[in-house]
Amino acid sequence: MKHRGSARRGQKIQRRVPPEVFLQAWFLPRSLAFQVHRLLPKEYREKMRHYFDDYGCLRCNRRSASYGACGLCRACYKKVLYQLASVLKRRNTAKKVKEQYTELTLQRAALAKRLLEDLI
């Protein structure tokens, strides 16, 4: 019988993480983010707020700060958004990201949701 600590050197112990623990899709274009949020159950949308309430900001760990979004306080959320904008500007990928989310893509996603509703 193997114990947790008996894995061979270099081997990782695989742990099963429940699917509800995975982080949400962050920093989508505003219009797409609203469409995605409408598809998600309330519990899923609120999990990062609950994290913030229990542990503080995901980035700076402050508990006394005001909540911003995505498990971050307002200051960290703004900082991350500005940094992300800078990254996209430097790499000139902002246009490419927006092109991925065309109206046709969003319509297809909505259709897929309707088709799969009875399976969820």
PDB file of N, CA and C in Angstrom:
ATOM      1  N   MET A   1       0.836  -1.174   0.000  1.00  0.00           N
ATOM      2  CA  MET A   1       0.000   0.000   0.000  1.00  0.00           C
ATOM      3  C   MET A   1       0.888   1.247   0.000  1.00  0.00           C
ATOM      4  N   LYS A   2       0.648   2.138  -0.950  1.00  0.00           N
ATOM      5  CA  LYS A   2       1.446   3.351  -1.040  1.00  0.00           C
ATOM      6  C   LYS A   2       0.829   4.452  -0.196  1.00  0.00           C
ATOM      7  N   HIS A   3       1.686   5.218   0.403  1.00  0.00           N
ATOM      8  CA  HIS A   3       1.240   6.387   1.148  1.00  0.00           C
ATOM      9  C   HIS A   3       1.474   7.619   0.299  1.00  0.00           C
ATOM     10  N   ARG A   4       0.869   8.708   0.684  1.00  0.00           N
ATOM     11  CA  ARG A   4       0.997   9.954  -0.076  1.00  0.00           C
ATOM     12  C   ARG A   4       2.439  10.340  -0.335  1.00  0.00           C
ATOM     13  N   GLY A   5       3.270  10.230   0.646  1.00  0.00           N
ATOM     14  CA  GLY A   5       4.656  10.666   0.525  1.00  0.00           C
ATOM     15  C   GLY A   5       5.546   9.675  -0.199  1.00  0.00           C
ATOM     16  N   SER A   6       5.015   8.542  -0.635  1.00  0.00           N
ATOM     17  CA  SER A   6       5.863   7.515  -1.216  1.00  0.00           C
ATOM     18  C   SER A   6       5.938   7.569  -2.741  1.00  0.00           C
ATOM     19  N   ALA A   7       5.464   8.647  -3.360  1.00  0.00           N
ATOM     20  CA  ALA A   7       5.579   8.761  -4.813  1.00  0.00           C
ATOM     21  C   ALA A   7       7.050   8.878  -5.175  1.00  0.00           C
ATOM     22  N   ARG A   8       7.422   8.291  -6.269  1.00  0.00           N
ATOM     23  CA  ARG A   8       8.813   8.357  -6.695  1.00  0.00           C
ATOM     24  C   ARG A   8       9.192   9.791  -7.023  1.00  0.00           C
ATOM     25  N   ARG A   9      10.459  10.065  -6.904  1.00  0.00           N
ATOM     26  CA  ARG A   9      10.952  11.409  -7.183  1.00  0.00           C
ATOM     27  C   ARG A   9      10.621  11.787  -8.630  1.00  0.00           C
ATOM     28  N   GLY A  10      10.096  12.978  -8.808  1.00  0.00           N
ATOM     29  CA  GLY A  10       9.758  13.451 -10.148  1.00  0.00           C
ATOM     30  C   GLY A  10       8.332  13.129 -10.562  1.00  0.00           C
ATOM     31  N   GLN A  11       7.674  12.230  -9.846  1.00  0.00           N
ATOM     32  CA  GLN A  11       6.290  11.904 -10.163  1.00  0.00           C
ATOM     33  C   GLN A  11       5.369  12.825  -9.378  1.00  0.00           C
ATOM     34  N   LYS A  12       4.348  13.282 -10.030  1.00  0.00           N
ATOM     35  CA  LYS A  12       3.386  14.144  -9.361  1.00  0.00           C
ATOM     36  C   LYS A  12       2.221  13.303  -8.875  1.00  0.00           C
ATOM     37  N   ILE A  13       1.742  13.639  -7.715  1.00  0.00           N
ATOM     38  CA  ILE A  13       0.549  12.987  -7.193  1.00  0.00           C
ATOM     39  C   ILE A  13      -0.635  13.729  -7.780  1.00  0.00           C
ATOM     40  N   GLN A  14      -1.479  13.025  -8.494  1.00  0.00           N
ATOM     41  CA  GLN A  14      -2.644  13.644  -9.120  1.00  0.00           C
ATOM     42  C   GLN A  14      -3.750  13.763  -8.091  1.00  0.00           C
ATOM     43  N   ARG A  15      -4.288  14.948  -7.963  1.00  0.00           N
ATOM     44  CA  ARG A  15      -5.420  15.176  -7.076  1.00  0.00           C
ATOM     45  C   ARG A  15      -6.598  15.594  -7.923  1.00  0.00           C
ATOM     46  N   ARG A  16      -7.727  15.063  -7.611  1.00  0.00           N
ATOM     47  CA  ARG A  16      -8.935  15.433  -8.347  1.00  0.00           C
ATOM     48  C   ARG A  16      -9.501  16.717  -7.765  1.00  0.00           C
ATOM     49  N   VAL A  17      -9.701  17.664  -8.643  1.00  0.00           N
ATOM     50  CA  VAL A  17     -10.274  18.943  -8.239  1.00  0.00           C
ATOM     51  C   VAL A  17     -11.687  18.999  -8.795  1.00  0.00           C
ATOM     52  N   PRO A  18     -12.667  19.268  -7.950  1.00  0.00           N
ATOM     53  CA  PRO A  18     -14.039  19.345  -8.459  1.00  0.00           C
ATOM     54  C   PRO A  18     -14.160  20.446  -9.509  1.00  0.00           C
ATOM     55  N   PRO A  19     -14.967  20.245 -10.539  1.00  0.00           N
ATOM     56  CA  PRO A  19     -15.058  21.225 -11.625  1.00  0.00           C
ATOM     57  C   PRO A  19     -15.513  22.600 -11.174  1.00  0.00           C
ATOM     58  N   GLU A  20     -16.264  22.688 -10.082  1.00  0.00           N
ATOM     59  CA  GLU A  20     -16.723  24.003  -9.650  1.00  0.00           C
ATOM     60  C   GLU A  20     -15.602  24.859  -9.047  1.00  0.00           C
ATOM     61  N   VAL A  21     -14.429  24.270  -8.837  1.00  0.00           N
ATOM     62  CA  VAL A  21     -13.307  25.013  -8.266  1.00  0.00           C
ATOM     63  C   VAL A  21     -12.534  25.775  -9.340  1.00  0.00           C
ATOM     64  N   PHE A  22     -12.602  25.356 -10.571  1.00  0.00           N
ATOM     65  CA  PHE A  22     -11.841  26.023 -11.622  1.00  0.00           C
ATOM     66  C   PHE A  22     -12.258  27.478 -11.742  1.00  0.00           C
ATOM     67  N   LEU A  23     -11.305  28.311 -12.069  1.00  0.00           N
ATOM     68  CA  LEU A  23     -11.566  29.748 -12.153  1.00  0.00           C
ATOM     69  C   LEU A  23     -12.371  30.087 -13.386  1.00  0.00           C
ATOM     70  N   GLN A  24     -13.104  31.160 -13.276  1.00  0.00           N
ATOM     71  CA  GLN A  24     -13.952  31.587 -14.384  1.00  0.00           C
ATOM     72  C   GLN A  24     -13.124  32.199 -15.510  1.00  0.00           C
ATOM     73  N   ALA A  25     -13.755  32.337 -16.619  1.00  0.00           N
ATOM     74  CA  ALA A  25     -13.091  32.978 -17.766  1.00  0.00           C
ATOM     75  C   ALA A  25     -12.994  34.473 -17.481  1.00  0.00           C
ATOM     76  N   TRP A  26     -11.790  34.947 -17.251  1.00  0.00           N
ATOM     77  CA  TRP A  26     -11.580  36.337 -16.854  1.00  0.00           C
ATOM     78  C   TRP A  26     -11.255  37.219 -18.041  1.00  0.00           C
ATOM     79  N   PHE A  27     -11.565  38.466 -17.896  1.00  0.00           N
ATOM     80  CA  PHE A  27     -11.111  39.527 -18.787  1.00  0.00           C
ATOM     81  C   PHE A  27     -11.557  39.335 -20.231  1.00  0.00           C
ATOM     82  N   LEU A  28     -12.784  38.952 -20.394  1.00  0.00           N
ATOM     83  CA  LEU A  28     -13.385  38.877 -21.726  1.00  0.00           C
ATOM     84  C   LEU A  28     -13.869  40.265 -22.114  1.00  0.00           C
ATOM     85  N   PRO A  29     -14.077  40.507 -23.403  1.00  0.00           N
ATOM     86  CA  PRO A  29     -14.692  41.781 -23.787  1.00  0.00           C
ATOM     87  C   PRO A  29     -16.038  41.920 -23.066  1.00  0.00           C
ATOM     88  N   ARG A  30     -16.392  43.145 -22.701  1.00  0.00           N
ATOM     89  CA  ARG A  30     -17.571  43.412 -21.870  1.00  0.00           C
ATOM     90  C   ARG A  30     -18.841  42.763 -22.419  1.00  0.00           C
ATOM     91  N   SER A  31     -19.111  42.940 -23.713  1.00  0.00           N
ATOM     92  CA  SER A  31     -20.350  42.389 -24.274  1.00  0.00           C
ATOM     93  C   SER A  31     -20.371  40.859 -24.168  1.00  0.00           C
ATOM     94  N   LEU A  32     -19.240  40.234 -24.413  1.00  0.00           N
ATOM     95  CA  LEU A  32     -19.163  38.778 -24.308  1.00  0.00           C
ATOM     96  C   LEU A  32     -19.265  38.339 -22.847  1.00  0.00           C
ATOM     97  N   ALA A  33     -18.632  39.071 -21.958  1.00  0.00           N
ATOM     98  CA  ALA A  33     -18.678  38.725 -20.539  1.00  0.00           C
ATOM     99  C   ALA A  33     -20.123  38.712 -20.039  1.00  0.00           C
ATOM    100  N   PHE A  34     -20.925  39.707 -20.438  1.00  0.00           N
ATOM    101  CA  PHE A  34     -22.318  39.738 -20.008  1.00  0.00           C
ATOM    102  C   PHE A  34     -23.082  38.537 -20.561  1.00  0.00           C
ATOM    103  N   GLN A  35     -22.812  38.161 -21.787  1.00  0.00           N
ATOM    104  CA  GLN A  35     -23.497  37.002 -22.370  1.00  0.00           C
ATOM    105  C   GLN A  35     -23.103  35.717 -21.654  1.00  0.00           C
ATOM    106  N   VAL A  36     -21.827  35.583 -21.329  1.00  0.00           N
ATOM    107  CA  VAL A  36     -21.361  34.395 -20.606  1.00  0.00           C
ATOM    108  C   VAL A  36     -21.989  34.353 -19.222  1.00  0.00           C
ATOM    109  N   HIS A  37     -22.028  35.488 -18.529  1.00  0.00           N
ATOM    110  CA  HIS A  37     -22.593  35.533 -17.178  1.00  0.00           C
ATOM    111  C   HIS A  37     -24.063  35.133 -17.154  1.00  0.00           C
ATOM    112  N   ARG A  38     -24.788  35.476 -18.205  1.00  0.00           N
ATOM    113  CA  ARG A  38     -26.200  35.085 -18.255  1.00  0.00           C
ATOM    114  C   ARG A  38     -26.349  33.569 -18.364  1.00  0.00           C
ATOM    115  N   LEU A  39     -25.360  32.886 -18.920  1.00  0.00           N
ATOM    116  CA  LEU A  39     -25.427  31.442 -19.080  1.00  0.00           C
ATOM    117  C   LEU A  39     -25.036  30.683 -17.807  1.00  0.00           C
ATOM    118  N   LEU A  40     -24.293  31.335 -16.916  1.00  0.00           N
ATOM    119  CA  LEU A  40     -23.745  30.658 -15.746  1.00  0.00           C
ATOM    120  C   LEU A  40     -24.723  30.638 -14.582  1.00  0.00           C
ATOM    121  N   PRO A  41     -24.703  29.560 -13.797  1.00  0.00           N
ATOM    122  CA  PRO A  41     -25.539  29.530 -12.593  1.00  0.00           C
ATOM    123  C   PRO A  41     -25.052  30.577 -11.583  1.00  0.00           C
ATOM    124  N   LYS A  42     -25.960  31.060 -10.746  1.00  0.00           N
ATOM    125  CA  LYS A  42     -25.650  32.093  -9.766  1.00  0.00           C
ATOM    126  C   LYS A  42     -24.488  31.671  -8.857  1.00  0.00           C
ATOM    127  N   GLU A  43     -24.467  30.429  -8.420  1.00  0.00           N
ATOM    128  CA  GLU A  43     -23.417  29.940  -7.519  1.00  0.00           C
ATOM    129  C   GLU A  43     -22.040  30.047  -8.166  1.00  0.00           C
ATOM    130  N   TYR A  44     -21.968  29.779  -9.463  1.00  0.00           N
ATOM    131  CA  TYR A  44     -20.692  29.859 -10.168  1.00  0.00           C
ATOM    132  C   TYR A  44     -20.215  31.302 -10.239  1.00  0.00           C
ATOM    133  N   ARG A  45     -21.143  32.209 -10.535  1.00  0.00           N
ATOM    134  CA  ARG A  45     -20.778  33.621 -10.665  1.00  0.00           C
ATOM    135  C   ARG A  45     -20.310  34.197  -9.335  1.00  0.00           C
ATOM    136  N   GLU A  46     -20.829  33.689  -8.241  1.00  0.00           N
ATOM    137  CA  GLU A  46     -20.528  34.261  -6.935  1.00  0.00           C
ATOM    138  C   GLU A  46     -19.337  33.625  -6.232  1.00  0.00           C
ATOM    139  N   LYS A  47     -18.750  32.590  -6.794  1.00  0.00           N
ATOM    140  CA  LYS A  47     -17.700  31.880  -6.054  1.00  0.00           C
ATOM    141  C   LYS A  47     -16.472  32.735  -5.781  1.00  0.00           C
ATOM    142  N   MET A  48     -16.104  33.619  -6.682  1.00  0.00           N
ATOM    143  CA  MET A  48     -14.931  34.452  -6.435  1.00  0.00           C
ATOM    144  C   MET A  48     -15.241  35.520  -5.391  1.00  0.00           C
ATOM    145  N   ARG A  49     -16.482  35.962  -5.334  1.00  0.00           N
ATOM    146  CA  ARG A  49     -16.870  36.900  -4.273  1.00  0.00           C
ATOM    147  C   ARG A  49     -16.781  36.204  -2.914  1.00  0.00           C
ATOM    148  N   HIS A  50     -17.221  34.958  -2.844  1.00  0.00           N
ATOM    149  CA  HIS A  50     -17.127  34.202  -1.596  1.00  0.00           C
ATOM    150  C   HIS A  50     -15.667  33.993  -1.204  1.00  0.00           C
ATOM    151  N   TYR A  51     -14.820  33.716  -2.195  1.00  0.00           N
ATOM    152  CA  TYR A  51     -13.377  33.584  -1.925  1.00  0.00           C
ATOM    153  C   TYR A  51     -12.863  34.876  -1.301  1.00  0.00           C
ATOM    154  N   PHE A  52     -13.212  36.007  -1.920  1.00  0.00           N
ATOM    155  CA  PHE A  52     -12.760  37.311  -1.420  1.00  0.00           C
ATOM    156  C   PHE A  52     -13.239  37.543   0.008  1.00  0.00           C
ATOM    157  N   ASP A  53     -14.481  37.219   0.287  1.00  0.00           N
ATOM    158  CA  ASP A  53     -15.026  37.408   1.631  1.00  0.00           C
ATOM    159  C   ASP A  53     -14.273  36.577   2.669  1.00  0.00           C
ATOM    160  N   ASP A  54     -13.855  35.374   2.293  1.00  0.00           N
ATOM    161  CA  ASP A  54     -13.182  34.478   3.238  1.00  0.00           C
ATOM    162  C   ASP A  54     -11.681  34.729   3.358  1.00  0.00           C
ATOM    163  N   TYR A  55     -11.022  35.046   2.232  1.00  0.00           N
ATOM    164  CA  TYR A  55      -9.558  35.120   2.229  1.00  0.00           C
ATOM    165  C   TYR A  55      -8.980  36.479   1.851  1.00  0.00           C
ATOM    166  N   GLY A  56      -9.801  37.366   1.348  1.00  0.00           N
ATOM    167  CA  GLY A  56      -9.286  38.655   0.905  1.00  0.00           C
ATOM    168  C   GLY A  56      -8.943  38.614  -0.576  1.00  0.00           C
ATOM    169  N   CYS A  57      -8.273  39.642  -1.023  1.00  0.00           N
ATOM    170  CA  CYS A  57      -7.927  39.788  -2.437  1.00  0.00           C
ATOM    171  C   CYS A  57      -7.021  38.656  -2.909  1.00  0.00           C
ATOM    172  N   LEU A  58      -7.324  38.130  -4.053  1.00  0.00           N
ATOM    173  CA  LEU A  58      -6.555  37.033  -4.641  1.00  0.00           C
ATOM    174  C   LEU A  58      -5.105  37.449  -4.894  1.00  0.00           C
ATOM    175  N   ARG A  59      -4.879  38.729  -5.128  1.00  0.00           N
ATOM    176  CA  ARG A  59      -3.541  39.218  -5.463  1.00  0.00           C
ATOM    177  C   ARG A  59      -2.779  39.739  -4.245  1.00  0.00           C
ATOM    178  N   CYS A  60      -3.417  40.633  -3.467  1.00  0.00           N
ATOM    179  CA  CYS A  60      -2.695  41.291  -2.371  1.00  0.00           C
ATOM    180  C   CYS A  60      -3.089  40.772  -0.986  1.00  0.00           C
ATOM    181  N   ASN A  61      -4.099  39.930  -0.918  1.00  0.00           N
ATOM    182  CA  ASN A  61      -4.575  39.315   0.326  1.00  0.00           C
ATOM    183  C   ASN A  61      -5.202  40.286   1.318  1.00  0.00           C
ATOM    184  N   ARG A  62      -5.436  41.537   0.937  1.00  0.00           N
ATOM    185  CA  ARG A  62      -6.084  42.472   1.861  1.00  0.00           C
ATOM    186  C   ARG A  62      -7.543  42.082   2.040  1.00  0.00           C
ATOM    187  N   ARG A  63      -7.994  42.095   3.278  1.00  0.00           N
ATOM    188  CA  ARG A  63      -9.386  41.755   3.577  1.00  0.00           C
ATOM    189  C   ARG A  63     -10.242  42.998   3.791  1.00  0.00           C
ATOM    190  N   SER A  64      -9.595  44.112   4.083  1.00  0.00           N
ATOM    191  CA  SER A  64     -10.335  45.331   4.391  1.00  0.00           C
ATOM    192  C   SER A  64     -10.682  46.142   3.140  1.00  0.00           C
ATOM    193  N   ALA A  65     -10.167  45.761   1.998  1.00  0.00           N
ATOM    194  CA  ALA A  65     -10.388  46.513   0.761  1.00  0.00           C
ATOM    195  C   ALA A  65     -11.782  46.234   0.198  1.00  0.00           C
ATOM    196  N   SER A  66     -12.250  47.125  -0.654  1.00  0.00           N
ATOM    197  CA  SER A  66     -13.535  46.938  -1.330  1.00  0.00           C
ATOM    198  C   SER A  66     -13.371  45.937  -2.460  1.00  0.00           C
ATOM    199  N   TYR A  67     -14.395  45.115  -2.639  1.00  0.00           N
ATOM    200  CA  TYR A  67     -14.358  44.107  -3.693  1.00  0.00           C
ATOM    201  C   TYR A  67     -14.465  44.773  -5.057  1.00  0.00           C
ATOM    202  N   GLY A  68     -13.645  44.321  -5.988  1.00  0.00           N
ATOM    203  CA  GLY A  68     -13.705  44.817  -7.360  1.00  0.00           C
ATOM    204  C   GLY A  68     -14.417  43.817  -8.247  1.00  0.00           C
ATOM    205  N   ALA A  69     -13.748  42.735  -8.581  1.00  0.00           N
ATOM    206  CA  ALA A  69     -14.301  41.654  -9.396  1.00  0.00           C
ATOM    207  C   ALA A  69     -13.262  40.542  -9.472  1.00  0.00           C
ATOM    208  N   CYS A  70     -13.705  39.373  -9.868  1.00  0.00           N
ATOM    209  CA  CYS A  70     -12.804  38.232 -10.115  1.00  0.00           C
ATOM    210  C   CYS A  70     -11.950  37.859  -8.903  1.00  0.00           C
ATOM    211  N   GLY A  71     -12.452  38.094  -7.693  1.00  0.00           N
ATOM    212  CA  GLY A  71     -11.696  37.755  -6.494  1.00  0.00           C
ATOM    213  C   GLY A  71     -10.639  38.778  -6.131  1.00  0.00           C
ATOM    214  N   LEU A  72     -10.653  39.919  -6.798  1.00  0.00           N
ATOM    215  CA  LEU A  72      -9.652  40.963  -6.561  1.00  0.00           C
ATOM    216  C   LEU A  72     -10.301  42.183  -5.931  1.00  0.00           C
ATOM    217  N   CYS A  73      -9.526  42.908  -5.114  1.00  0.00           N
ATOM    218  CA  CYS A  73     -10.015  44.180  -4.601  1.00  0.00           C
ATOM    219  C   CYS A  73     -10.046  45.180  -5.757  1.00  0.00           C
ATOM    220  N   ARG A  74     -10.690  46.322  -5.541  1.00  0.00           N
ATOM    221  CA  ARG A  74     -10.818  47.307  -6.630  1.00  0.00           C
ATOM    222  C   ARG A  74      -9.467  47.764  -7.160  1.00  0.00           C
ATOM    223  N   ALA A  75      -8.538  48.040  -6.252  1.00  0.00           N
ATOM    224  CA  ALA A  75      -7.220  48.531  -6.677  1.00  0.00           C
ATOM    225  C   ALA A  75      -6.490  47.485  -7.517  1.00  0.00           C
ATOM    226  N   CYS A  76      -6.482  46.242  -7.069  1.00  0.00           N
ATOM    227  CA  CYS A  76      -5.787  45.181  -7.814  1.00  0.00           C
ATOM    228  C   CYS A  76      -6.479  44.890  -9.141  1.00  0.00           C
ATOM    229  N   TYR A  77      -7.808  44.932  -9.137  1.00  0.00           N
ATOM    230  CA  TYR A  77      -8.542  44.689 -10.370  1.00  0.00           C
ATOM    231  C   TYR A  77      -8.176  45.742 -11.414  1.00  0.00           C
ATOM    232  N   LYS A  78      -8.161  47.007 -11.005  1.00  0.00           N
ATOM    233  CA  LYS A  78      -7.777  48.078 -11.932  1.00  0.00           C
ATOM    234  C   LYS A  78      -6.347  47.889 -12.411  1.00  0.00           C
ATOM    235  N   LYS A  79      -5.458  47.562 -11.493  1.00  0.00           N
ATOM    236  CA  LYS A  79      -4.050  47.380 -11.862  1.00  0.00           C
ATOM    237  C   LYS A  79      -3.890  46.255 -12.883  1.00  0.00           C
ATOM    238  N   VAL A  80      -4.559  45.129 -12.635  1.00  0.00           N
ATOM    239  CA  VAL A  80      -4.470  43.995 -13.563  1.00  0.00           C
ATOM    240  C   VAL A  80      -5.058  44.365 -14.925  1.00  0.00           C
ATOM    241  N   LEU A  81      -6.176  45.091 -14.942  1.00  0.00           N
ATOM    242  CA  LEU A  81      -6.764  45.512 -16.216  1.00  0.00           C
ATOM    243  C   LEU A  81      -5.809  46.409 -17.003  1.00  0.00           C
ATOM    244  N   TYR A  82      -5.183  47.371 -16.309  1.00  0.00           N
ATOM    245  CA  TYR A  82      -4.234  48.251 -16.995  1.00  0.00           C
ATOM    246  C   TYR A  82      -3.021  47.475 -17.500  1.00  0.00           C
ATOM    247  N   GLN A  83      -2.547  46.540 -16.694  1.00  0.00           N
ATOM    248  CA  GLN A  83      -1.407  45.721 -17.122  1.00  0.00           C
ATOM    249  C   GLN A  83      -1.781  44.868 -18.336  1.00  0.00           C
ATOM    250  N   LEU A  84      -2.972  44.305 -18.308  1.00  0.00           N
ATOM    251  CA  LEU A  84      -3.430  43.495 -19.432  1.00  0.00           C
ATOM    252  C   LEU A  84      -3.566  44.342 -20.698  1.00  0.00           C
ATOM    253  N   ALA A  85      -4.120  45.542 -20.548  1.00  0.00           N
ATOM    254  CA  ALA A  85      -4.228  46.447 -21.700  1.00  0.00           C
ATOM    255  C   ALA A  85      -2.854  46.765 -22.256  1.00  0.00           C
ATOM    256  N   SER A  86      -1.891  46.969 -21.385  1.00  0.00           N
ATOM    257  CA  SER A  86      -0.521  47.257 -21.812  1.00  0.00           C
ATOM    258  C   SER A  86       0.084  46.070 -22.565  1.00  0.00           C
ATOM    259  N   VAL A  87      -0.162  44.875 -22.039  1.00  0.00           N
ATOM    260  CA  VAL A  87       0.343  43.661 -22.698  1.00  0.00           C
ATOM    261  C   VAL A  87      -0.242  43.541 -24.103  1.00  0.00           C
ATOM    262  N   LEU A  88      -1.553  43.725 -24.214  1.00  0.00           N
ATOM    263  CA  LEU A  88      -2.204  43.600 -25.517  1.00  0.00           C
ATOM    264  C   LEU A  88      -1.711  44.672 -26.484  1.00  0.00           C
ATOM    265  N   LYS A  89      -1.538  45.880 -25.986  1.00  0.00           N
ATOM    266  CA  LYS A  89      -1.053  46.960 -26.838  1.00  0.00           C
ATOM    267  C   LYS A  89       0.364  46.662 -27.331  1.00  0.00           C
ATOM    268  N   ARG A  90       1.230  46.214 -26.421  1.00  0.00           N
ATOM    269  CA  ARG A  90       2.615  45.903 -26.792  1.00  0.00           C
ATOM    270  C   ARG A  90       2.686  44.800 -27.834  1.00  0.00           C
ATOM    271  N   ARG A  91       1.838  43.828 -27.681  1.00  0.00           N
ATOM    272  CA  ARG A  91       1.887  42.686 -28.605  1.00  0.00           C
ATOM    273  C   ARG A  91       0.926  42.845 -29.774  1.00  0.00           C
ATOM    274  N   ASN A  92       0.194  43.952 -29.764  1.00  0.00           N
ATOM    275  CA  ASN A  92      -0.732  44.270 -30.852  1.00  0.00           C
ATOM    276  C   ASN A  92      -1.721  43.131 -31.101  1.00  0.00           C
ATOM    277  N   THR A  93      -2.192  42.530 -30.008  1.00  0.00           N
ATOM    278  CA  THR A  93      -3.123  41.407 -30.153  1.00  0.00           C
ATOM    279  C   THR A  93      -4.547  41.785 -29.793  1.00  0.00           C
ATOM    280  N   ALA A  94      -4.779  43.012 -29.366  1.00  0.00           N
ATOM    281  CA  ALA A  94      -6.126  43.403 -28.954  1.00  0.00           C
ATOM    282  C   ALA A  94      -7.120  43.181 -30.086  1.00  0.00           C
ATOM    283  N   LYS A  95      -6.744  43.524 -31.307  1.00  0.00           N
ATOM    284  CA  LYS A  95      -7.648  43.357 -32.445  1.00  0.00           C
ATOM    285  C   LYS A  95      -7.922  41.873 -32.709  1.00  0.00           C
ATOM    286  N   LYS A  96      -6.897  41.045 -32.612  1.00  0.00           N
ATOM    287  CA  LYS A  96      -7.074  39.617 -32.858  1.00  0.00           C
ATOM    288  C   LYS A  96      -8.023  38.995 -31.841  1.00  0.00           C
ATOM    289  N   VAL A  97      -7.932  39.401 -30.586  1.00  0.00           N
ATOM    290  CA  VAL A  97      -8.811  38.855 -29.548  1.00  0.00           C
ATOM    291  C   VAL A  97     -10.254  39.205 -29.859  1.00  0.00           C
ATOM    292  N   LYS A  98     -10.522  40.449 -30.232  1.00  0.00           N
ATOM    293  CA  LYS A  98     -11.884  40.876 -30.513  1.00  0.00           C
ATOM    294  C   LYS A  98     -12.460  40.146 -31.723  1.00  0.00           C
ATOM    295  N   GLU A  99     -11.631  39.857 -32.725  1.00  0.00           N
ATOM    296  CA  GLU A  99     -12.121  39.186 -33.922  1.00  0.00           C
ATOM    297  C   GLU A  99     -12.622  37.778 -33.632  1.00  0.00           C
ATOM    298  N   GLN A 100     -12.134  37.166 -32.562  1.00  0.00           N
ATOM    299  CA  GLN A 100     -12.569  35.811 -32.224  1.00  0.00           C
ATOM    300  C   GLN A 100     -14.031  35.780 -31.806  1.00  0.00           C
ATOM    301  N   TYR A 101     -14.554  36.871 -31.283  1.00  0.00           N
ATOM    302  CA  TYR A 101     -15.884  36.899 -30.716  1.00  0.00           C
ATOM    303  C   TYR A 101     -16.851  37.637 -31.636  1.00  0.00           C
ATOM    304  N   THR A 102     -16.997  37.113 -32.807  1.00  0.00           N
ATOM    305  CA  THR A 102     -17.909  37.715 -33.763  1.00  0.00           C
ATOM    306  C   THR A 102     -19.343  37.360 -33.397  1.00  0.00           C
ATOM    307  N   GLU A 103     -20.277  38.048 -33.993  1.00  0.00           N
ATOM    308  CA  GLU A 103     -21.696  37.782 -33.740  1.00  0.00           C
ATOM    309  C   GLU A 103     -22.053  36.339 -34.091  1.00  0.00           C
ATOM    310  N   LEU A 104     -21.467  35.808 -35.168  1.00  0.00           N
ATOM    311  CA  LEU A 104     -21.739  34.431 -35.573  1.00  0.00           C
ATOM    312  C   LEU A 104     -21.292  33.452 -34.485  1.00  0.00           C
ATOM    313  N   THR A 105     -20.130  33.681 -33.906  1.00  0.00           N
ATOM    314  CA  THR A 105     -19.629  32.813 -32.843  1.00  0.00           C
ATOM    315  C   THR A 105     -20.563  32.843 -31.647  1.00  0.00           C
ATOM    316  N   LEU A 106     -21.028  34.037 -31.289  1.00  0.00           N
ATOM    317  CA  LEU A 106     -21.933  34.158 -30.147  1.00  0.00           C
ATOM    318  C   LEU A 106     -23.272  33.486 -30.428  1.00  0.00           C
ATOM    319  N   GLN A 107     -23.765  33.588 -31.663  1.00  0.00           N
ATOM    320  CA  GLN A 107     -25.013  32.924 -32.030  1.00  0.00           C
ATOM    321  C   GLN A 107     -24.856  31.412 -31.950  1.00  0.00           C
ATOM    322  N   ARG A 108     -23.717  30.912 -32.393  1.00  0.00           N
ATOM    323  CA  ARG A 108     -23.468  29.471 -32.321  1.00  0.00           C
ATOM    324  C   ARG A 108     -23.427  28.996 -30.872  1.00  0.00           C
ATOM    325  N   ALA A 109     -22.810  29.794 -29.992  1.00  0.00           N
ATOM    326  CA  ALA A 109     -22.747  29.433 -28.573  1.00  0.00           C
ATOM    327  C   ALA A 109     -24.146  29.390 -27.969  1.00  0.00           C
ATOM    328  N   ALA A 110     -24.979  30.361 -28.308  1.00  0.00           N
ATOM    329  CA  ALA A 110     -26.354  30.390 -27.797  1.00  0.00           C
ATOM    330  C   ALA A 110     -27.140  29.181 -28.302  1.00  0.00           C
ATOM    331  N   LEU A 111     -26.959  28.832 -29.566  1.00  0.00           N
ATOM    332  CA  LEU A 111     -27.638  27.669 -30.132  1.00  0.00           C
ATOM    333  C   LEU A 111     -27.186  26.390 -29.426  1.00  0.00           C
ATOM    334  N   ALA A 112     -25.893  26.265 -29.188  1.00  0.00           N
ATOM    335  CA  ALA A 112     -25.366  25.077 -28.500  1.00  0.00           C
ATOM    336  C   ALA A 112     -25.970  24.970 -27.102  1.00  0.00           C
ATOM    337  N   LYS A 113     -26.094  26.087 -26.420  1.00  0.00           N
ATOM    338  CA  LYS A 113     -26.699  26.075 -25.088  1.00  0.00           C
ATOM    339  C   LYS A 113     -28.133  25.585 -25.138  1.00  0.00           C
ATOM    340  N   ARG A 114     -28.891  26.104 -26.103  1.00  0.00           N
ATOM    341  CA  ARG A 114     -30.294  25.675 -26.226  1.00  0.00           C
ATOM    342  C   ARG A 114     -30.391  24.188 -26.525  1.00  0.00           C
ATOM    343  N   LEU A 115     -29.509  23.689 -27.378  1.00  0.00           N
ATOM    344  CA  LEU A 115     -29.553  22.275 -27.747  1.00  0.00           C
ATOM    345  C   LEU A 115     -29.170  21.359 -26.578  1.00  0.00           C
ATOM    346  N   LEU A 116     -28.325  21.862 -25.686  1.00  0.00           N
ATOM    347  CA  LEU A 116     -27.833  21.041 -24.585  1.00  0.00           C
ATOM    348  C   LEU A 116     -28.596  21.247 -23.272  1.00  0.00           C
ATOM    349  N   GLU A 117     -29.586  22.126 -23.267  1.00  0.00           N
ATOM    350  CA  GLU A 117     -30.301  22.449 -22.040  1.00  0.00           C
ATOM    351  C   GLU A 117     -30.879  21.233 -21.343  1.00  0.00           C
ATOM    352  N   ASP A 118     -31.433  20.315 -22.083  1.00  0.00           N
ATOM    353  CA  ASP A 118     -32.067  19.158 -21.446  1.00  0.00           C
ATOM    354  C   ASP A 118     -31.049  18.169 -20.867  1.00  0.00           C
ATOM    355  N   LEU A 119     -29.785  18.331 -21.197  1.00  0.00           N
ATOM    356  CA  LEU A 119     -28.753  17.428 -20.684  1.00  0.00           C
ATOM    357  C   LEU A 119     -28.097  17.964 -19.408  1.00  0.00           C
ATOM    358  N   ILE A 120     -28.329  19.225 -19.124  1.00  0.00           N
ATOM    359  CA  ILE A 120     -27.659  19.831 -17.964  1.00  0.00           C
ATOM    360  C   ILE A 120     -28.489  19.623 -16.715  1.00  0.00           C
TER     361      ILE A 120
END
